[in-house]
N, C-alpha and C. Protein backbone atom coordinates (compact mmCIF):
# COMPACT_ATOMS: atom_id res chain seq x y z
N MET A 1 -146.86 69.21 -18.65
CA MET A 1 -148.09 68.57 -19.06
C MET A 1 -149.06 69.64 -19.53
N LYS A 2 -149.77 69.33 -20.62
CA LYS A 2 -150.76 70.24 -21.14
C LYS A 2 -152.06 69.48 -21.41
N ILE A 3 -153.14 69.96 -20.79
CA ILE A 3 -154.46 69.37 -20.96
C ILE A 3 -155.28 70.35 -21.78
N VAL A 4 -155.89 69.86 -22.85
CA VAL A 4 -156.69 70.74 -23.72
C VAL A 4 -158.06 70.11 -23.90
N TYR A 5 -159.09 70.89 -23.56
CA TYR A 5 -160.48 70.47 -23.79
C TYR A 5 -161.05 71.41 -24.83
N THR A 6 -161.56 70.85 -25.92
CA THR A 6 -162.13 71.63 -27.02
C THR A 6 -163.59 71.26 -27.15
N GLU A 7 -164.45 72.29 -27.28
CA GLU A 7 -165.87 72.03 -27.46
C GLU A 7 -166.49 73.09 -28.34
N GLY A 8 -167.59 72.74 -28.96
CA GLY A 8 -168.34 73.67 -29.78
C GLY A 8 -168.81 72.99 -31.05
N CYS A 9 -170.02 73.33 -31.45
CA CYS A 9 -170.65 72.76 -32.64
C CYS A 9 -170.64 71.24 -32.52
N THR A 10 -169.91 70.55 -33.35
CA THR A 10 -169.82 69.09 -33.25
C THR A 10 -168.41 68.66 -32.85
N CYS A 11 -167.61 69.58 -32.33
CA CYS A 11 -166.22 69.31 -31.98
C CYS A 11 -166.08 69.18 -30.46
N PHE A 12 -165.72 67.98 -30.03
CA PHE A 12 -165.45 67.76 -28.61
C PHE A 12 -164.19 66.93 -28.51
N SER A 13 -163.23 67.41 -27.73
CA SER A 13 -161.96 66.71 -27.65
C SER A 13 -161.32 66.99 -26.29
N LEU A 14 -160.69 65.99 -25.73
CA LEU A 14 -159.90 66.14 -24.51
C LEU A 14 -158.57 65.44 -24.75
N THR A 15 -157.50 66.22 -24.68
CA THR A 15 -156.17 65.64 -24.90
C THR A 15 -155.27 65.96 -23.72
N ILE A 16 -154.32 65.07 -23.49
CA ILE A 16 -153.27 65.26 -22.49
C ILE A 16 -151.96 65.10 -23.24
N ASP A 17 -151.20 66.17 -23.27
CA ASP A 17 -149.94 66.17 -24.04
C ASP A 17 -150.16 65.67 -25.47
N LYS A 18 -151.18 66.21 -26.11
CA LYS A 18 -151.54 65.93 -27.50
C LYS A 18 -152.01 64.50 -27.76
N LYS A 19 -152.30 63.75 -26.69
CA LYS A 19 -152.82 62.39 -26.85
C LYS A 19 -154.29 62.40 -26.43
N ASP A 20 -155.14 61.86 -27.28
CA ASP A 20 -156.56 61.78 -26.95
C ASP A 20 -156.74 60.89 -25.72
N VAL A 21 -157.59 61.33 -24.79
CA VAL A 21 -157.77 60.54 -23.56
C VAL A 21 -158.30 59.14 -23.84
N GLN A 22 -159.00 58.96 -24.95
CA GLN A 22 -159.51 57.63 -25.30
C GLN A 22 -158.37 56.65 -25.61
N ASP A 23 -157.19 57.20 -25.94
CA ASP A 23 -156.04 56.37 -26.25
C ASP A 23 -155.15 56.10 -25.04
N LEU A 24 -155.51 56.68 -23.89
CA LEU A 24 -154.73 56.50 -22.66
C LEU A 24 -155.38 55.44 -21.79
N SER A 25 -154.57 54.81 -20.96
CA SER A 25 -155.11 53.81 -20.04
C SER A 25 -155.81 54.51 -18.88
N GLU A 26 -156.62 53.77 -18.18
CA GLU A 26 -157.31 54.31 -17.01
C GLU A 26 -156.30 54.79 -15.97
N VAL A 27 -155.22 54.05 -15.79
CA VAL A 27 -154.18 54.42 -14.83
C VAL A 27 -153.53 55.75 -15.23
N GLU A 28 -153.25 55.93 -16.52
CA GLU A 28 -152.64 57.18 -16.99
C GLU A 28 -153.57 58.37 -16.74
N ILE A 29 -154.85 58.17 -16.99
CA ILE A 29 -155.81 59.25 -16.78
C ILE A 29 -155.93 59.58 -15.30
N LYS A 30 -156.00 58.57 -14.45
CA LYS A 30 -156.10 58.81 -13.01
C LYS A 30 -154.84 59.49 -12.48
N ASN A 31 -153.68 59.09 -12.95
CA ASN A 31 -152.43 59.73 -12.52
C ASN A 31 -152.40 61.20 -12.94
N THR A 32 -152.94 61.50 -14.12
CA THR A 32 -153.02 62.88 -14.57
C THR A 32 -153.93 63.67 -13.66
N LEU A 33 -155.06 63.10 -13.30
CA LEU A 33 -155.99 63.78 -12.40
C LEU A 33 -155.35 64.07 -11.06
N LEU A 34 -154.60 63.13 -10.53
CA LEU A 34 -153.91 63.36 -9.26
C LEU A 34 -152.91 64.51 -9.36
N LYS A 35 -152.20 64.59 -10.48
CA LYS A 35 -151.26 65.69 -10.69
C LYS A 35 -151.99 67.03 -10.76
N VAL A 36 -153.13 67.05 -11.42
CA VAL A 36 -153.92 68.28 -11.53
C VAL A 36 -154.38 68.72 -10.15
N ILE A 37 -154.90 67.78 -9.36
CA ILE A 37 -155.41 68.11 -8.03
C ILE A 37 -154.32 68.71 -7.16
N GLU A 38 -153.09 68.24 -7.29
CA GLU A 38 -151.97 68.77 -6.51
C GLU A 38 -151.75 70.26 -6.76
N HIS A 39 -152.14 70.75 -7.92
CA HIS A 39 -151.89 72.14 -8.28
C HIS A 39 -153.09 73.06 -8.07
N LEU A 40 -154.20 72.52 -7.58
CA LEU A 40 -155.40 73.32 -7.37
C LEU A 40 -155.46 73.87 -5.96
N ASN A 41 -156.18 74.97 -5.81
CA ASN A 41 -156.39 75.49 -4.46
C ASN A 41 -157.57 74.76 -3.82
N LYS A 42 -157.76 75.01 -2.54
CA LYS A 42 -158.80 74.32 -1.77
C LYS A 42 -160.19 74.48 -2.37
N ASP A 43 -160.54 75.71 -2.76
CA ASP A 43 -161.88 75.95 -3.32
C ASP A 43 -162.12 75.18 -4.61
N ASP A 44 -161.10 75.09 -5.46
CA ASP A 44 -161.24 74.33 -6.70
C ASP A 44 -161.42 72.84 -6.43
N VAL A 45 -160.70 72.32 -5.45
CA VAL A 45 -160.83 70.90 -5.10
C VAL A 45 -162.23 70.63 -4.54
N ILE A 46 -162.74 71.54 -3.71
CA ILE A 46 -164.10 71.39 -3.18
C ILE A 46 -165.11 71.38 -4.32
N GLN A 47 -164.93 72.26 -5.29
CA GLN A 47 -165.86 72.30 -6.43
C GLN A 47 -165.83 71.00 -7.22
N ILE A 48 -164.65 70.44 -7.40
CA ILE A 48 -164.53 69.16 -8.10
C ILE A 48 -165.26 68.05 -7.33
N LEU A 49 -165.10 68.03 -6.01
CA LEU A 49 -165.79 67.03 -5.20
C LEU A 49 -167.31 67.18 -5.31
N GLN A 50 -167.79 68.41 -5.32
CA GLN A 50 -169.23 68.65 -5.48
C GLN A 50 -169.70 68.15 -6.84
N ASP A 51 -168.95 68.46 -7.88
CA ASP A 51 -169.31 68.03 -9.23
C ASP A 51 -169.35 66.50 -9.34
N VAL A 52 -168.35 65.84 -8.76
CA VAL A 52 -168.29 64.38 -8.81
C VAL A 52 -169.46 63.78 -8.03
N ALA A 53 -169.76 64.35 -6.86
CA ALA A 53 -170.88 63.83 -6.06
C ALA A 53 -172.18 63.92 -6.84
N GLN A 54 -172.41 65.03 -7.52
CA GLN A 54 -173.64 65.19 -8.30
C GLN A 54 -173.67 64.26 -9.50
N ARG A 55 -172.51 64.02 -10.09
CA ARG A 55 -172.45 63.22 -11.31
C ARG A 55 -172.61 61.72 -11.04
N VAL A 56 -171.92 61.22 -10.02
CA VAL A 56 -171.91 59.77 -9.81
C VAL A 56 -172.48 59.34 -8.46
N GLY A 57 -172.80 60.30 -7.61
CA GLY A 57 -173.30 59.96 -6.28
C GLY A 57 -174.72 59.44 -6.29
N GLU A 58 -175.07 58.80 -5.20
CA GLU A 58 -176.43 58.29 -5.02
C GLU A 58 -177.32 59.45 -4.59
N TYR A 59 -178.39 59.66 -5.34
CA TYR A 59 -179.31 60.78 -5.09
C TYR A 59 -180.30 60.41 -4.00
N LYS A 60 -180.58 61.38 -3.13
CA LYS A 60 -181.60 61.19 -2.10
C LYS A 60 -182.37 62.49 -1.92
N TYR A 61 -183.68 62.41 -2.06
CA TYR A 61 -184.55 63.55 -1.78
C TYR A 61 -184.61 63.72 -0.27
N VAL A 62 -184.40 64.94 0.23
CA VAL A 62 -184.38 65.19 1.67
C VAL A 62 -185.65 65.90 2.12
N ASP A 63 -185.99 66.99 1.47
CA ASP A 63 -187.14 67.78 1.92
C ASP A 63 -187.49 68.80 0.84
N HIS A 64 -188.56 69.52 1.11
CA HIS A 64 -188.97 70.61 0.23
C HIS A 64 -189.14 71.86 1.07
N CYS A 65 -188.66 72.98 0.56
CA CYS A 65 -188.79 74.26 1.25
C CYS A 65 -189.99 75.00 0.66
N ASP A 66 -191.02 75.17 1.48
CA ASP A 66 -192.21 75.89 1.02
C ASP A 66 -191.94 77.39 0.87
N GLU A 67 -190.97 77.87 1.60
CA GLU A 67 -190.66 79.31 1.55
C GLU A 67 -190.07 79.72 0.20
N CYS A 68 -189.12 78.94 -0.30
CA CYS A 68 -188.49 79.30 -1.58
C CYS A 68 -188.88 78.35 -2.70
N ASN A 69 -189.67 77.32 -2.37
CA ASN A 69 -190.15 76.35 -3.33
C ASN A 69 -189.04 75.50 -3.96
N ASP A 70 -187.98 75.30 -3.22
CA ASP A 70 -186.85 74.52 -3.73
C ASP A 70 -186.84 73.15 -3.04
N ASP A 71 -186.39 72.15 -3.77
CA ASP A 71 -186.20 70.83 -3.17
C ASP A 71 -184.81 70.74 -2.57
N ILE A 72 -184.71 70.03 -1.48
CA ILE A 72 -183.42 69.79 -0.83
C ILE A 72 -183.07 68.34 -1.07
N CYS A 73 -181.87 68.13 -1.60
CA CYS A 73 -181.44 66.77 -1.90
C CYS A 73 -179.99 66.60 -1.50
N GLU A 74 -179.57 65.36 -1.44
CA GLU A 74 -178.16 65.08 -1.18
C GLU A 74 -177.66 64.00 -2.12
N TYR A 75 -176.37 64.02 -2.35
CA TYR A 75 -175.72 63.03 -3.19
C TYR A 75 -174.60 62.43 -2.35
N SER A 76 -174.50 61.13 -2.34
CA SER A 76 -173.45 60.49 -1.51
C SER A 76 -172.68 59.48 -2.33
N ILE A 77 -171.41 59.40 -1.99
CA ILE A 77 -170.51 58.42 -2.61
C ILE A 77 -169.80 57.69 -1.47
N LYS A 78 -169.83 56.39 -1.51
CA LYS A 78 -169.11 55.59 -0.52
C LYS A 78 -167.82 55.10 -1.17
N ILE A 79 -166.71 55.40 -0.52
CA ILE A 79 -165.39 54.98 -1.01
C ILE A 79 -164.87 53.89 -0.08
N LYS A 80 -164.46 52.81 -0.65
CA LYS A 80 -163.94 51.69 0.16
C LYS A 80 -162.49 51.90 0.49
């Protein structure tokens, strides 16, 4: 399996085995993702989970740190 992501200027493309992901079914894309996850190390999987939580998770403001002036927030995803 070969996954290729191309970006730059006005060119954006994601293909799996030379097939555009827009032409694949949701099941095919999810199965590909599962195969990719099987080959990643623990740190890479953790990073993916963090990215997904920020992208689709429910945002919640937690607090503000006066010392560093940063906001503390959390993102949560409930899986049934």
